[in-house]
Amino acid sequence: MGFGLVVALVGFVVVVGGFTTAVEATNSVEFCTSCHSMEINYEEYKKSVHYSNRSGVRAACSDCHVPKKNWLSEMYRKVIAAEDVWAEMAGTIDTREKFEAKRAEMAKREWDRMKESDSIGCRNCHSFGAMDLEEQDKLAQNKHAGAEGEGKTCIDCHKGVAHKLPRIH
């Protein structure tokens, strides 16, 4: 093996290792809520079924907001998420009032992303095939029984499941 190939291989390992470490570090709830504006979302999330539930399974921010399809989609999502970091640093959403003024816009962007991905963040844990419809109330049974065949995805019906719904004017 030539020296250049060894350097390239070591460089590749360092870059991939660095990226993987960075992705894991930025997937933590602690990282996600380190911005002042995300404390608002964190308080809402702590009141949701994704934080506290009978099964004891807790979804982290990244479980819903960072698709686990492949590392390219994860990397892309991290780049897009930098928008929120920039908005915090630029002072666009750094107070509760500013955050609330942007909530509808941010929610719509997230809902569109989830719709486009067939709610992959939800499907990391939930699937129509694994649902026991008999254990659901009648309304949920009826909705879930036809949803997949109608091309519905989770976010079509479950907006506001972890965060407060925005006021739409």
Protein backbone atom coordinates (compact mmCIF):
# COMPACT_ATOMS: atom_id res chain seq x y z
CA MET A 1 0.00 0.00 0.00
CA GLY A 2 1.34 3.40 -0.95
CA PHE A 3 1.79 6.25 1.51
CA GLY A 4 -0.91 8.35 -0.20
CA LEU A 5 -3.43 5.54 0.10
CA VAL A 6 -2.66 5.11 3.81
CA VAL A 7 -3.09 8.87 4.39
CA ALA A 8 -6.38 8.84 2.45
CA LEU A 9 -7.64 5.84 4.42
CA VAL A 10 -6.70 7.40 7.77
CA GLY A 11 -8.30 10.69 6.67
CA PHE A 12 -11.48 8.87 5.69
CA VAL A 13 -11.67 7.08 9.06
CA VAL A 14 -11.10 10.37 10.92
CA VAL A 15 -13.81 12.19 8.91
CA VAL A 16 -16.37 9.39 9.26
CA GLY A 17 -15.55 8.97 12.95
CA GLY A 18 -15.77 12.71 13.54
CA PHE A 19 -19.08 12.96 11.70
CA THR A 20 -20.55 10.00 13.60
CA THR A 21 -19.44 11.45 16.92
CA ALA A 22 -20.88 14.87 16.04
CA VAL A 23 -24.21 13.37 14.93
CA GLU A 24 -24.53 11.35 18.14
CA ALA A 25 -23.64 14.35 20.31
CA THR A 26 -26.15 16.60 18.53
CA ASN A 27 -28.91 13.96 18.76
CA SER A 28 -29.14 14.26 22.54
CA VAL A 29 -32.05 16.00 24.25
CA GLU A 30 -29.49 18.03 26.21
CA PHE A 31 -28.00 19.41 23.00
CA CYS A 32 -31.39 20.07 21.41
CA THR A 33 -32.62 22.03 24.42
CA SER A 34 -29.40 23.96 24.98
CA CYS A 35 -30.78 26.88 22.95
CA HIS A 36 -33.06 29.16 24.95
CA SER A 37 -35.84 28.96 22.36
CA MET A 38 -35.97 25.17 22.49
CA GLU A 39 -36.72 25.25 26.22
CA ILE A 40 -40.28 26.12 25.15
CA ASN A 41 -40.51 22.94 23.07
CA TYR A 42 -38.92 20.92 25.86
CA GLU A 43 -41.56 21.98 28.39
CA GLU A 44 -44.30 20.99 25.93
CA TYR A 45 -42.61 17.67 25.15
CA LYS A 46 -42.38 16.82 28.87
CA LYS A 47 -46.20 16.95 29.02
CA SER A 48 -46.60 14.60 26.04
CA VAL A 49 -47.06 10.86 25.69
CA HIS A 50 -43.66 10.73 23.98
CA TYR A 51 -42.02 11.76 27.26
CA SER A 52 -44.09 9.87 29.82
CA ASN A 53 -46.29 6.87 29.03
CA ARG A 54 -47.43 3.48 30.30
CA SER A 55 -44.78 1.56 28.33
CA GLY A 56 -41.84 3.54 29.70
CA VAL A 57 -40.44 4.26 26.23
CA ARG A 58 -39.23 7.84 25.86
CA ALA A 59 -38.68 9.35 22.43
CA ALA A 60 -35.84 11.87 22.19
CA CYS A 61 -36.04 14.95 19.94
CA SER A 62 -33.93 13.22 17.30
CA ASP A 63 -36.22 10.18 17.17
CA CYS A 64 -38.89 12.35 15.56
CA HIS A 65 -36.88 15.13 13.95
CA VAL A 66 -33.84 13.28 12.55
CA PRO A 67 -34.79 10.45 10.17
CA LYS A 68 -32.88 7.20 10.68
CA LYS A 69 -33.22 6.08 7.07
CA ASN A 70 -29.50 6.35 6.27
CA TRP A 71 -26.52 8.51 7.21
CA LEU A 72 -27.02 10.81 4.20
CA SER A 73 -30.55 11.70 5.29
CA GLU A 74 -29.26 12.22 8.84
CA MET A 75 -26.50 14.51 7.60
CA TYR A 76 -28.94 16.45 5.40
CA ARG A 77 -31.31 16.91 8.35
CA LYS A 78 -28.45 18.19 10.52
CA VAL A 79 -27.59 20.81 7.89
CA ILE A 80 -31.24 21.90 7.67
CA ALA A 81 -31.48 22.01 11.48
CA ALA A 82 -28.70 24.59 11.44
CA GLU A 83 -31.47 27.02 10.38
CA ASP A 84 -32.88 26.84 13.91
CA VAL A 85 -29.45 27.39 15.43
CA TRP A 86 -28.95 30.40 13.16
CA ALA A 87 -32.42 31.76 14.07
CA GLU A 88 -31.49 31.50 17.74
CA MET A 89 -28.12 33.23 17.23
CA ALA A 90 -29.60 35.92 14.98
CA GLY A 91 -32.27 36.71 17.55
CA THR A 92 -35.20 35.62 15.37
CA ILE A 93 -36.64 33.15 17.92
CA ASP A 94 -34.62 33.94 21.05
CA THR A 95 -37.57 35.06 23.21
CA ARG A 96 -40.92 33.41 23.92
CA GLU A 97 -42.72 36.19 22.03
CA LYS A 98 -40.51 35.85 18.94
CA PHE A 99 -40.74 32.05 19.10
CA GLU A 100 -44.55 32.18 19.27
CA ALA A 101 -44.61 34.61 16.33
CA LYS A 102 -42.65 32.05 14.26
CA ARG A 103 -44.30 28.90 15.67
CA ALA A 104 -46.80 28.43 12.81
CA GLU A 105 -44.11 28.87 10.16
CA MET A 106 -41.75 26.43 11.90
CA ALA A 107 -44.54 23.91 12.52
CA LYS A 108 -45.69 24.02 8.90
CA ARG A 109 -42.12 23.46 7.69
CA GLU A 110 -41.78 20.46 10.00
CA TRP A 111 -45.19 19.04 9.06
CA ASP A 112 -44.34 19.37 5.36
CA ARG A 113 -41.05 17.56 5.94
CA MET A 114 -42.81 14.79 7.83
CA LYS A 115 -45.51 14.45 5.16
CA GLU A 116 -42.86 14.31 2.43
CA SER A 117 -40.98 11.54 4.26
CA ASP A 118 -44.15 9.52 4.99
CA SER A 119 -43.66 10.39 8.68
CA ILE A 120 -40.44 8.39 8.88
CA GLY A 121 -39.71 9.81 12.34
CA CYS A 122 -42.97 8.27 13.58
CA ARG A 123 -42.41 5.05 11.65
CA ASN A 124 -39.10 4.48 13.40
CA CYS A 125 -41.34 3.26 16.27
CA HIS A 126 -44.91 2.95 14.91
CA SER A 127 -46.35 0.97 11.99
CA PHE A 128 -49.85 0.24 10.75
CA GLY A 129 -48.97 -3.46 10.56
CA ALA A 130 -48.06 -3.66 14.24
CA MET A 131 -51.20 -1.89 15.47
CA ASP A 132 -53.71 -3.95 17.43
CA LEU A 133 -56.85 -2.15 16.34
CA GLU A 134 -58.93 -4.08 18.88
CA GLU A 135 -57.00 -2.34 21.67
CA GLN A 136 -57.84 1.12 20.29
CA ASP A 137 -60.99 3.14 20.89
CA LYS A 138 -63.59 3.05 18.10
CA LEU A 139 -62.58 6.39 16.58
CA ALA A 140 -58.90 5.37 16.37
CA GLN A 141 -59.86 1.94 15.00
CA ASN A 142 -61.90 3.51 12.21
CA LYS A 143 -59.25 6.08 11.34
CA HIS A 144 -56.30 3.67 11.42
CA ALA A 145 -58.16 0.91 9.54
CA GLY A 146 -58.47 3.07 6.43
CA ALA A 147 -55.55 5.47 6.76
CA GLU A 148 -52.87 3.39 5.05
CA GLY A 149 -55.09 2.56 2.07
CA GLU A 150 -56.02 6.23 1.73
CA GLY A 151 -52.35 7.25 1.55
CA LYS A 152 -52.47 8.96 4.94
CA THR A 153 -49.37 9.34 7.02
CA CYS A 154 -49.07 9.88 10.78
CA ILE A 155 -48.71 13.67 10.66
CA ASP A 156 -51.98 14.03 8.73
CA CYS A 157 -53.88 13.31 11.96
CA HIS A 158 -51.36 13.63 14.77
CA LYS A 159 -50.19 17.25 14.61
CA GLY A 160 -49.60 18.57 18.11
CA VAL A 161 -48.80 15.18 19.61
CA ALA A 162 -45.58 16.44 21.24
CA HIS A 163 -45.74 20.23 20.91
CA LYS A 164 -48.42 22.88 21.25
CA LEU A 165 -50.29 23.59 18.04
CA PRO A 166 -49.69 27.07 16.62
CA ARG A 167 -52.46 29.59 16.29
CA ILE A 168 -53.21 29.74 12.59
CA HIS A 169 -54.59 33.11 11.56
